[in-house]
């Protein structure tokens, strides 16, 4: 087990989501090329995504000005090109 702590809040980050053989791979890289890579099974990814969405919506309600923070770009690599991204 390892512990890695980094605060990306002020950095622009680049993220890649890749699906392969029942595993979701998530890579997050910042402007300084610090990179974190994680892998999830489908259930873990879905539950984490749901809770991240709820947490993000709550923070937006509190009125924080997001202009002070970094941005995020997300690329995806899906073996099935028929997957629809809803946004």
PDB file of N, CA and C in Angstrom:
ATOM      1  N   UNK A   1       0.840  -1.173   0.000  1.00  0.00           N
ATOM      2  CA  UNK A   1       0.000   0.000   0.000  1.00  0.00           C
ATOM      3  C   UNK A   1       0.886   1.236   0.000  1.00  0.00           C
ATOM      4  N   UNK A   2       0.442   2.264  -0.705  1.00  0.00           N
ATOM      5  CA  UNK A   2       1.205   3.508  -0.722  1.00  0.00           C
ATOM      6  C   UNK A   2       0.266   4.690  -0.557  1.00  0.00           C
ATOM      7  N   UNK A   3       0.827   5.801  -0.192  1.00  0.00           N
ATOM      8  CA  UNK A   3       0.058   7.024  -0.009  1.00  0.00           C
ATOM      9  C   UNK A   3       0.707   8.104  -0.844  1.00  0.00           C
ATOM     10  N   UNK A   4      -0.106   8.774  -1.656  1.00  0.00           N
ATOM     11  CA  UNK A   4       0.392   9.840  -2.506  1.00  0.00           C
ATOM     12  C   UNK A   4      -0.576  10.994  -2.393  1.00  0.00           C
ATOM     13  N   UNK A   5      -0.112  12.133  -1.944  1.00  0.00           N
ATOM     14  CA  UNK A   5      -0.987  13.282  -1.780  1.00  0.00           C
ATOM     15  C   UNK A   5      -0.496  14.424  -2.654  1.00  0.00           C
ATOM     16  N   UNK A   6      -1.386  14.961  -3.447  1.00  0.00           N
ATOM     17  CA  UNK A   6      -1.069  16.108  -4.288  1.00  0.00           C
ATOM     18  C   UNK A   6      -2.333  16.945  -4.440  1.00  0.00           C
ATOM     19  N   UNK A   7      -2.190  18.240  -4.425  1.00  0.00           N
ATOM     20  CA  UNK A   7      -3.341  19.122  -4.590  1.00  0.00           C
ATOM     21  C   UNK A   7      -3.306  19.714  -5.991  1.00  0.00           C
ATOM     22  N   UNK A   8      -4.209  19.268  -6.835  1.00  0.00           N
ATOM     23  CA  UNK A   8      -4.251  19.706  -8.234  1.00  0.00           C
ATOM     24  C   UNK A   8      -5.207  20.860  -8.443  1.00  0.00           C
ATOM     25  N   UNK A   9      -5.768  21.392  -7.403  1.00  0.00           N
ATOM     26  CA  UNK A   9      -6.858  22.353  -7.529  1.00  0.00           C
ATOM     27  C   UNK A   9      -6.502  23.577  -8.370  1.00  0.00           C
ATOM     28  N   UNK A  10      -5.258  24.042  -8.303  1.00  0.00           N
ATOM     29  CA  UNK A  10      -4.889  25.251  -9.031  1.00  0.00           C
ATOM     30  C   UNK A  10      -4.226  24.958 -10.375  1.00  0.00           C
ATOM     31  N   UNK A  11      -3.974  23.703 -10.667  1.00  0.00           N
ATOM     32  CA  UNK A  11      -3.306  23.325 -11.915  1.00  0.00           C
ATOM     33  C   UNK A  11      -4.314  22.946 -12.994  1.00  0.00           C
ATOM     34  N   UNK A  12      -3.925  23.150 -14.238  1.00  0.00           N
ATOM     35  CA  UNK A  12      -4.669  22.557 -15.341  1.00  0.00           C
ATOM     36  C   UNK A  12      -4.236  21.098 -15.411  1.00  0.00           C
ATOM     37  N   UNK A  13      -5.194  20.207 -15.498  1.00  0.00           N
ATOM     38  CA  UNK A  13      -4.846  18.791 -15.538  1.00  0.00           C
ATOM     39  C   UNK A  13      -5.407  18.135 -16.787  1.00  0.00           C
ATOM     40  N   UNK A  14      -4.732  17.088 -17.199  1.00  0.00           N
ATOM     41  CA  UNK A  14      -5.104  16.290 -18.358  1.00  0.00           C
ATOM     42  C   UNK A  14      -5.408  14.892 -17.851  1.00  0.00           C
ATOM     43  N   UNK A  15      -6.569  14.391 -18.190  1.00  0.00           N
ATOM     44  CA  UNK A  15      -6.990  13.081 -17.705  1.00  0.00           C
ATOM     45  C   UNK A  15      -7.331  12.181 -18.886  1.00  0.00           C
ATOM     46  N   UNK A  16      -7.026  10.918 -18.739  1.00  0.00           N
ATOM     47  CA  UNK A  16      -7.398   9.927 -19.750  1.00  0.00           C
ATOM     48  C   UNK A  16      -8.143   8.797 -19.052  1.00  0.00           C
ATOM     49  N   UNK A  17      -9.261   8.411 -19.636  1.00  0.00           N
ATOM     50  CA  UNK A  17     -10.037   7.269 -19.153  1.00  0.00           C
ATOM     51  C   UNK A  17      -9.977   6.208 -20.250  1.00  0.00           C
ATOM     52  N   UNK A  18      -9.537   5.019 -19.878  1.00  0.00           N
ATOM     53  CA  UNK A  18      -9.427   3.938 -20.851  1.00  0.00           C
ATOM     54  C   UNK A  18     -10.163   2.718 -20.311  1.00  0.00           C
ATOM     55  N   UNK A  19     -10.983   2.126 -21.158  1.00  0.00           N
ATOM     56  CA  UNK A  19     -11.688   0.897 -20.807  1.00  0.00           C
ATOM     57  C   UNK A  19     -11.041  -0.267 -21.541  1.00  0.00           C
ATOM     58  N   UNK A  20     -10.751  -1.330 -20.816  1.00  0.00           N
ATOM     59  CA  UNK A  20     -10.148  -2.489 -21.449  1.00  0.00           C
ATOM     60  C   UNK A  20     -10.430  -3.727 -20.614  1.00  0.00           C
ATOM     61  N   UNK A  21     -11.067  -4.692 -21.205  1.00  0.00           N
ATOM     62  CA  UNK A  21     -11.294  -6.002 -20.609  1.00  0.00           C
ATOM     63  C   UNK A  21     -11.869  -5.927 -19.198  1.00  0.00           C
ATOM     64  N   UNK A  22     -12.897  -5.109 -19.013  1.00  0.00           N
ATOM     65  CA  UNK A  22     -13.592  -5.030 -17.737  1.00  0.00           C
ATOM     66  C   UNK A  22     -12.932  -4.161 -16.689  1.00  0.00           C
ATOM     67  N   UNK A  23     -11.895  -3.412 -17.080  1.00  0.00           N
ATOM     68  CA  UNK A  23     -11.188  -2.545 -16.146  1.00  0.00           C
ATOM     69  C   UNK A  23     -11.228  -1.116 -16.679  1.00  0.00           C
ATOM     70  N   UNK A  24     -11.453  -0.162 -15.774  1.00  0.00           N
ATOM     71  CA  UNK A  24     -11.399   1.247 -16.124  1.00  0.00           C
ATOM     72  C   UNK A  24     -10.082   1.801 -15.586  1.00  0.00           C
ATOM     73  N   UNK A  25      -9.285   2.355 -16.477  1.00  0.00           N
ATOM     74  CA  UNK A  25      -7.998   2.944 -16.115  1.00  0.00           C
ATOM     75  C   UNK A  25      -8.152   4.461 -16.158  1.00  0.00           C
ATOM     76  N   UNK A  26      -7.717   5.140 -15.110  1.00  0.00           N
ATOM     77  CA  UNK A  26      -7.798   6.591 -15.008  1.00  0.00           C
ATOM     78  C   UNK A  26      -6.403   7.136 -14.794  1.00  0.00           C
ATOM     79  N   UNK A  27      -5.993   8.057 -15.653  1.00  0.00           N
ATOM     80  CA  UNK A  27      -4.696   8.703 -15.533  1.00  0.00           C
ATOM     81  C   UNK A  27      -4.926  10.200 -15.406  1.00  0.00           C
ATOM     82  N   UNK A  28      -4.251  10.825 -14.449  1.00  0.00           N
ATOM     83  CA  UNK A  28      -4.356  12.266 -14.228  1.00  0.00           C
ATOM     84  C   UNK A  28      -2.941  12.834 -14.209  1.00  0.00           C
ATOM     85  N   UNK A  29      -2.678  13.810 -15.090  1.00  0.00           N
ATOM     86  CA  UNK A  29      -1.349  14.416 -15.190  1.00  0.00           C
ATOM     87  C   UNK A  29      -1.486  15.927 -15.103  1.00  0.00           C
ATOM     88  N   UNK A  30      -0.588  16.569 -14.348  1.00  0.00           N
ATOM     89  CA  UNK A  30      -0.634  18.023 -14.225  1.00  0.00           C
ATOM     90  C   UNK A  30       0.391  18.691 -15.130  1.00  0.00           C
ATOM     91  N   UNK A  31       0.457  20.020 -15.034  1.00  0.00           N
ATOM     92  CA  UNK A  31       1.349  20.821 -15.878  1.00  0.00           C
ATOM     93  C   UNK A  31       2.821  20.493 -15.644  1.00  0.00           C
ATOM     94  N   UNK A  32       3.141  19.979 -14.474  1.00  0.00           N
ATOM     95  CA  UNK A  32       4.529  19.640 -14.126  1.00  0.00           C
ATOM     96  C   UNK A  32       4.853  18.180 -14.415  1.00  0.00           C
ATOM     97  N   UNK A  33       3.951  17.502 -15.120  1.00  0.00           N
ATOM     98  CA  UNK A  33       4.078  16.088 -15.476  1.00  0.00           C
ATOM     99  C   UNK A  33       4.055  15.146 -14.286  1.00  0.00           C
ATOM    100  N   UNK A  34       3.506  15.597 -13.153  1.00  0.00           N
ATOM    101  CA  UNK A  34       3.212  14.665 -12.065  1.00  0.00           C
ATOM    102  C   UNK A  34       2.001  13.857 -12.517  1.00  0.00           C
ATOM    103  N   UNK A  35       2.058  12.560 -12.351  1.00  0.00           N
ATOM    104  CA  UNK A  35       0.980  11.713 -12.856  1.00  0.00           C
ATOM    105  C   UNK A  35       0.532  10.709 -11.799  1.00  0.00           C
ATOM    106  N   UNK A  36      -0.779  10.515 -11.745  1.00  0.00           N
ATOM    107  CA  UNK A  36      -1.389   9.513 -10.891  1.00  0.00           C
ATOM    108  C   UNK A  36      -2.209   8.605 -11.796  1.00  0.00           C
ATOM    109  N   UNK A  37      -2.036   7.308 -11.641  1.00  0.00           N
ATOM    110  CA  UNK A  37      -2.808   6.345 -12.426  1.00  0.00           C
ATOM    111  C   UNK A  37      -3.528   5.403 -11.474  1.00  0.00           C
ATOM    112  N   UNK A  38      -4.805   5.182 -11.737  1.00  0.00           N
ATOM    113  CA  UNK A  38      -5.633   4.310 -10.914  1.00  0.00           C
ATOM    114  C   UNK A  38      -6.398   3.363 -11.812  1.00  0.00           C
ATOM    115  N   UNK A  39      -6.779   2.225 -11.282  1.00  0.00           N
ATOM    116  CA  UNK A  39      -7.644   1.309 -12.028  1.00  0.00           C
ATOM    117  C   UNK A  39      -8.807   0.884 -11.135  1.00  0.00           C
ATOM    118  N   UNK A  40      -9.972   0.704 -11.762  1.00  0.00           N
ATOM    119  CA  UNK A  40     -11.202   0.383 -11.043  1.00  0.00           C
ATOM    120  C   UNK A  40     -11.952  -0.716 -11.767  1.00  0.00           C
ATOM    121  N   UNK A  41     -12.705  -1.511 -11.007  1.00  0.00           N
ATOM    122  CA  UNK A  41     -13.655  -2.395 -11.660  1.00  0.00           C
ATOM    123  C   UNK A  41     -14.894  -1.551 -11.977  1.00  0.00           C
ATOM    124  N   UNK A  42     -15.809  -2.033 -12.813  1.00  0.00           N
ATOM    125  CA  UNK A  42     -16.946  -1.212 -13.218  1.00  0.00           C
ATOM    126  C   UNK A  42     -17.794  -0.683 -12.062  1.00  0.00           C
ATOM    127  N   UNK A  43     -18.018  -1.500 -11.046  1.00  0.00           N
ATOM    128  CA  UNK A  43     -18.833  -1.053  -9.922  1.00  0.00           C
ATOM    129  C   UNK A  43     -18.131   0.054  -9.146  1.00  0.00           C
ATOM    130  N   UNK A  44     -16.847  -0.106  -8.895  1.00  0.00           N
ATOM    131  CA  UNK A  44     -16.088   0.926  -8.190  1.00  0.00           C
ATOM    132  C   UNK A  44     -16.123   2.248  -8.957  1.00  0.00           C
ATOM    133  N   UNK A  45     -15.926   2.186 -10.265  1.00  0.00           N
ATOM    134  CA  UNK A  45     -15.912   3.400 -11.095  1.00  0.00           C
ATOM    135  C   UNK A  45     -17.262   4.104 -11.062  1.00  0.00           C
ATOM    136  N   UNK A  46     -18.336   3.335 -11.175  1.00  0.00           N
ATOM    137  CA  UNK A  46     -19.678   3.926 -11.171  1.00  0.00           C
ATOM    138  C   UNK A  46     -19.979   4.594  -9.839  1.00  0.00           C
ATOM    139  N   UNK A  47     -19.710   3.913  -8.739  1.00  0.00           N
ATOM    140  CA  UNK A  47     -20.003   4.471  -7.414  1.00  0.00           C
ATOM    141  C   UNK A  47     -19.144   5.708  -7.152  1.00  0.00           C
ATOM    142  N   UNK A  48     -17.849   5.644  -7.472  1.00  0.00           N
ATOM    143  CA  UNK A  48     -16.984   6.810  -7.288  1.00  0.00           C
ATOM    144  C   UNK A  48     -17.486   7.986  -8.123  1.00  0.00           C
ATOM    145  N   UNK A  49     -17.868   7.734  -9.364  1.00  0.00           N
ATOM    146  CA  UNK A  49     -18.383   8.792 -10.228  1.00  0.00           C
ATOM    147  C   UNK A  49     -19.641   9.431  -9.680  1.00  0.00           C
ATOM    148  N   UNK A  50     -20.537   8.625  -9.145  1.00  0.00           N
ATOM    149  CA  UNK A  50     -21.777   9.160  -8.570  1.00  0.00           C
ATOM    150  C   UNK A  50     -21.478  10.065  -7.380  1.00  0.00           C
ATOM    151  N   UNK A  51     -20.583   9.629  -6.504  1.00  0.00           N
ATOM    152  CA  UNK A  51     -20.264  10.434  -5.323  1.00  0.00           C
ATOM    153  C   UNK A  51     -19.472  11.694  -5.691  1.00  0.00           C
ATOM    154  N   UNK A  52     -18.607  11.613  -6.689  1.00  0.00           N
ATOM    155  CA  UNK A  52     -17.897  12.811  -7.146  1.00  0.00           C
ATOM    156  C   UNK A  52     -18.871  13.835  -7.718  1.00  0.00           C
ATOM    157  N   UNK A  53     -19.874  13.356  -8.436  1.00  0.00           N
ATOM    158  CA  UNK A  53     -20.874  14.259  -8.997  1.00  0.00           C
ATOM    159  C   UNK A  53     -21.661  14.962  -7.892  1.00  0.00           C
ATOM    160  N   UNK A  54     -22.096  14.223  -6.896  1.00  0.00           N
ATOM    161  CA  UNK A  54     -22.820  14.815  -5.762  1.00  0.00           C
ATOM    162  C   UNK A  54     -21.947  15.835  -5.046  1.00  0.00           C
ATOM    163  N   UNK A  55     -20.683  15.485  -4.772  1.00  0.00           N
ATOM    164  CA  UNK A  55     -19.781  16.399  -4.069  1.00  0.00           C
ATOM    165  C   UNK A  55     -19.536  17.662  -4.890  1.00  0.00           C
ATOM    166  N   UNK A  56     -19.332  17.520  -6.193  1.00  0.00           N
ATOM    167  CA  UNK A  56     -19.119  18.679  -7.057  1.00  0.00           C
ATOM    168  C   UNK A  56     -20.324  19.597  -7.098  1.00  0.00           C
ATOM    169  N   UNK A  57     -21.512  19.020  -7.170  1.00  0.00           N
ATOM    170  CA  UNK A  57     -22.738  19.824  -7.183  1.00  0.00           C
ATOM    171  C   UNK A  57     -22.909  20.584  -5.871  1.00  0.00           C
ATOM    172  N   UNK A  58     -22.577  19.961  -4.756  1.00  0.00           N
ATOM    173  CA  UNK A  58     -22.672  20.632  -3.455  1.00  0.00           C
ATOM    174  C   UNK A  58     -21.698  21.808  -3.372  1.00  0.00           C
ATOM    175  N   UNK A  59     -20.489  21.618  -3.862  1.00  0.00           N
ATOM    176  CA  UNK A  59     -19.518  22.707  -3.849  1.00  0.00           C
ATOM    177  C   UNK A  59     -19.976  23.867  -4.740  1.00  0.00           C
ATOM    178  N   UNK A  60     -20.561  23.569  -5.885  1.00  0.00           N
ATOM    179  CA  UNK A  60     -21.054  24.619  -6.777  1.00  0.00           C
ATOM    180  C   UNK A  60     -22.166  25.425  -6.115  1.00  0.00           C
ATOM    181  N   UNK A  61     -23.004  24.765  -5.334  1.00  0.00           N
ATOM    182  CA  UNK A  61     -24.093  25.452  -4.630  1.00  0.00           C
ATOM    183  C   UNK A  61     -23.564  26.443  -3.603  1.00  0.00           C
ATOM    184  N   UNK A  62     -22.380  26.176  -3.069  1.00  0.00           N
ATOM    185  CA  UNK A  62     -21.840  27.035  -2.021  1.00  0.00           C
ATOM    186  C   UNK A  62     -21.250  28.335  -2.567  1.00  0.00           C
ATOM    187  N   UNK A  63     -21.190  28.481  -3.877  1.00  0.00           N
ATOM    188  CA  UNK A  63     -20.812  29.750  -4.478  1.00  0.00           C
ATOM    189  C   UNK A  63     -19.335  30.001  -4.672  1.00  0.00           C
ATOM    190  N   UNK A  64     -18.514  28.980  -4.650  1.00  0.00           N
ATOM    191  CA  UNK A  64     -17.092  29.179  -4.901  1.00  0.00           C
ATOM    192  C   UNK A  64     -16.879  29.661  -6.329  1.00  0.00           C
ATOM    193  N   UNK A  65     -15.971  30.623  -6.500  1.00  0.00           N
ATOM    194  CA  UNK A  65     -15.650  31.147  -7.818  1.00  0.00           C
ATOM    195  C   UNK A  65     -14.607  30.240  -8.469  1.00  0.00           C
ATOM    196  N   UNK A  66     -15.021  29.488  -9.462  1.00  0.00           N
ATOM    197  CA  UNK A  66     -14.120  28.515 -10.087  1.00  0.00           C
ATOM    198  C   UNK A  66     -13.071  29.156 -10.987  1.00  0.00           C
ATOM    199  N   UNK A  67     -13.148  30.476 -11.212  1.00  0.00           N
ATOM    200  CA  UNK A  67     -12.145  31.146 -12.043  1.00  0.00           C
ATOM    201  C   UNK A  67     -10.756  31.117 -11.413  1.00  0.00           C
ATOM    202  N   UNK A  68     -10.673  30.886 -10.119  1.00  0.00           N
ATOM    203  CA  UNK A  68      -9.382  30.852  -9.431  1.00  0.00           C
ATOM    204  C   UNK A  68      -8.692  29.495  -9.546  1.00  0.00           C
ATOM    205  N   UNK A  69      -9.379  28.528 -10.067  1.00  0.00           N
ATOM    206  CA  UNK A  69      -8.874  27.163 -10.065  1.00  0.00           C
ATOM    207  C   UNK A  69      -8.473  26.712 -11.460  1.00  0.00           C
ATOM    208  N   UNK A  70      -7.792  25.579 -11.524  1.00  0.00           N
ATOM    209  CA  UNK A  70      -7.357  25.023 -12.795  1.00  0.00           C
ATOM    210  C   UNK A  70      -8.505  24.386 -13.561  1.00  0.00           C
ATOM    211  N   UNK A  71      -8.217  23.985 -14.762  1.00  0.00           N
ATOM    212  CA  UNK A  71      -9.193  23.362 -15.657  1.00  0.00           C
ATOM    213  C   UNK A  71      -8.839  21.880 -15.812  1.00  0.00           C
ATOM    214  N   UNK A  72      -9.702  21.143 -16.474  1.00  0.00           N
ATOM    215  CA  UNK A  72      -9.436  19.726 -16.737  1.00  0.00           C
ATOM    216  C   UNK A  72      -9.870  19.385 -18.162  1.00  0.00           C
ATOM    217  N   UNK A  73      -9.031  18.629 -18.844  1.00  0.00           N
ATOM    218  CA  UNK A  73      -9.364  18.048 -20.140  1.00  0.00           C
ATOM    219  C   UNK A  73      -9.396  16.546 -19.948  1.00  0.00           C
ATOM    220  N   UNK A  74     -10.407  15.902 -20.518  1.00  0.00           N
ATOM    221  CA  UNK A  74     -10.538  14.460 -20.379  1.00  0.00           C
ATOM    222  C   UNK A  74     -10.598  13.826 -21.762  1.00  0.00           C
ATOM    223  N   UNK A  75      -9.695  12.897 -22.008  1.00  0.00           N
ATOM    224  CA  UNK A  75      -9.726  12.086 -23.221  1.00  0.00           C
ATOM    225  C   UNK A  75     -10.194  10.697 -22.823  1.00  0.00           C
ATOM    226  N   UNK A  76     -10.730   9.978 -23.777  1.00  0.00           N
ATOM    227  CA  UNK A  76     -11.156   8.619 -23.481  1.00  0.00           C
ATOM    228  C   UNK A  76     -10.722   7.684 -24.589  1.00  0.00           C
ATOM    229  N   UNK A  77     -10.457   6.471 -24.195  1.00  0.00           N
ATOM    230  CA  UNK A  77     -10.068   5.424 -25.127  1.00  0.00           C
ATOM    231  C   UNK A  77     -10.956   4.214 -24.851  1.00  0.00           C
ATOM    232  N   UNK A  78     -12.004   4.084 -25.643  1.00  0.00           N
ATOM    233  CA  UNK A  78     -12.933   2.975 -25.475  1.00  0.00           C
ATOM    234  C   UNK A  78     -12.783   2.021 -26.649  1.00  0.00           C
ATOM    235  N   UNK A  79     -12.710   0.745 -26.372  1.00  0.00           N
ATOM    236  CA  UNK A  79     -12.620  -0.251 -27.439  1.00  0.00           C
ATOM    237  C   UNK A  79     -13.887  -0.242 -28.284  1.00  0.00           C
ATOM    238  N   UNK A  80     -15.012   0.052 -27.656  1.00  0.00           N
ATOM    239  CA  UNK A  80     -16.294   0.111 -28.345  1.00  0.00           C
ATOM    240  C   UNK A  80     -16.563   1.565 -28.741  1.00  0.00           C
ATOM    241  N   UNK A  81     -16.435   1.888 -30.013  1.00  0.00           N
ATOM    242  CA  UNK A  81     -16.636   3.260 -30.475  1.00  0.00           C
ATOM    243  C   UNK A  81     -18.086   3.694 -30.447  1.00  0.00           C
ATOM    244  N   UNK A  82     -19.003   2.803 -30.139  1.00  0.00           N
ATOM    245  CA  UNK A  82     -20.437   3.137 -30.106  1.00  0.00           C
ATOM    246  C   UNK A  82     -20.884   3.693 -28.761  1.00  0.00           C
ATOM    247  N   UNK A  83     -19.985   3.856 -27.816  1.00  0.00           N
ATOM    248  CA  UNK A  83     -20.345   4.410 -26.501  1.00  0.00           C
ATOM    249  C   UNK A  83     -20.630   5.884 -26.664  1.00  0.00           C
ATOM    250  N   UNK A  84     -21.791   6.308 -26.156  1.00  0.00           N
ATOM    251  CA  UNK A  84     -22.172   7.706 -26.238  1.00  0.00           C
ATOM    252  C   UNK A  84     -21.769   8.448 -24.983  1.00  0.00           C
ATOM    253  N   UNK A  85     -21.059   9.543 -25.130  1.00  0.00           N
ATOM    254  CA  UNK A  85     -20.708  10.419 -24.004  1.00  0.00           C
ATOM    255  C   UNK A  85     -21.829  11.443 -23.883  1.00  0.00           C
ATOM    256  N   UNK A  86     -22.497  11.539 -22.732  1.00  0.00           N
ATOM    257  CA  UNK A  86     -23.710  12.369 -22.610  1.00  0.00           C
ATOM    258  C   UNK A  86     -23.463  13.867 -22.499  1.00  0.00           C
ATOM    259  N   UNK A  87     -22.241  14.345 -22.659  1.00  0.00           N
ATOM    260  CA  UNK A  87     -21.984  15.785 -22.558  1.00  0.00           C
ATOM    261  C   UNK A  87     -20.916  16.167 -23.548  1.00  0.00           C
TER     262      UNK A  87
END
